[in-house]
């Protein structure tokens, strides 16, 4: 297989990739505004809960290290 045919094959595969990606995007069921709002609230609440949990763990470990060291 020559160099130019390998380049042509690469362009063909790239074109097929974008064509297949576009076909898959047409199958996606996008959330409506109400669903999107509820999903966003769930994500924000989850992030806040995890951040508070990690803060408490960090605070506890800091106190423990200070108790041991000092």
Protein backbone atom coordinates (compact mmCIF):
# COMPACT_ATOMS: atom_id res chain seq x y z
CA UNK A 1 0.00 0.00 0.00
CA UNK A 2 1.48 3.32 -1.05
CA UNK A 3 1.87 6.43 1.01
CA UNK A 4 -0.87 8.35 -0.81
CA UNK A 5 -3.38 5.53 -0.46
CA UNK A 6 -2.70 5.36 3.28
CA UNK A 7 -3.37 9.10 3.55
CA UNK A 8 -6.57 8.70 1.53
CA UNK A 9 -7.66 5.82 3.76
CA UNK A 10 -7.05 8.00 6.82
CA UNK A 11 -9.25 10.77 5.42
CA UNK A 12 -11.95 8.22 4.61
CA UNK A 13 -11.90 6.84 8.17
CA UNK A 14 -12.02 10.37 9.60
CA UNK A 15 -15.02 11.19 7.40
CA UNK A 16 -16.75 7.98 8.48
CA UNK A 17 -16.07 8.83 12.12
CA UNK A 18 -17.75 12.23 11.84
CA UNK A 19 -20.65 10.80 9.84
CA UNK A 20 -21.22 8.07 12.45
CA UNK A 21 -20.92 10.60 15.29
CA UNK A 22 -23.56 12.80 13.69
CA UNK A 23 -25.87 9.78 13.28
CA UNK A 24 -25.48 8.94 16.99
CA UNK A 25 -26.15 12.54 18.04
CA UNK A 26 -29.46 12.38 16.18
CA UNK A 27 -30.48 9.46 18.43
CA UNK A 28 -29.82 11.36 21.67
CA UNK A 29 -32.84 12.34 23.74
CA UNK A 30 -31.92 15.74 25.11
CA UNK A 31 -33.41 16.76 28.49
CA UNK A 32 -36.07 19.43 28.61
CA UNK A 33 -35.74 22.56 30.77
CA UNK A 34 -37.39 21.02 33.85
CA UNK A 35 -35.19 17.92 33.75
CA UNK A 36 -32.07 19.98 33.16
CA UNK A 37 -32.87 22.20 36.14
CA UNK A 38 -33.45 19.23 38.44
CA UNK A 39 -30.25 17.50 37.26
CA UNK A 40 -28.29 20.70 37.85
CA UNK A 41 -29.66 21.03 41.38
CA UNK A 42 -28.75 17.40 42.11
CA UNK A 43 -25.18 17.97 40.90
CA UNK A 44 -24.75 21.19 42.92
CA UNK A 45 -26.14 19.60 46.10
CA UNK A 46 -23.91 16.55 45.64
CA UNK A 47 -20.81 18.70 45.15
CA UNK A 48 -21.61 20.74 48.28
CA UNK A 49 -22.21 17.60 50.37
CA UNK A 50 -18.96 15.98 49.21
CA UNK A 51 -17.03 19.22 49.80
CA UNK A 52 -18.39 19.50 53.34
CA UNK A 53 -17.59 15.85 54.01
CA UNK A 54 -14.00 16.31 52.82
CA UNK A 55 -13.70 19.53 54.86
CA UNK A 56 -14.79 17.72 58.04
CA UNK A 57 -12.40 14.82 57.35
CA UNK A 58 -9.55 17.28 56.70
CA UNK A 59 -10.35 19.23 59.85
CA UNK A 60 -10.38 16.03 61.91
CA UNK A 61 -7.10 14.79 60.48
CA UNK A 62 -5.50 18.19 61.07
CA UNK A 63 -6.57 18.14 64.69
CA UNK A 64 -5.30 14.58 65.06
CA UNK A 65 -1.89 15.44 63.60
CA UNK A 66 -1.63 18.54 65.80
CA UNK A 67 -2.52 16.41 68.85
CA UNK A 68 0.15 13.84 67.98
CA UNK A 69 2.83 16.40 67.10
CA UNK A 70 2.28 18.77 69.72
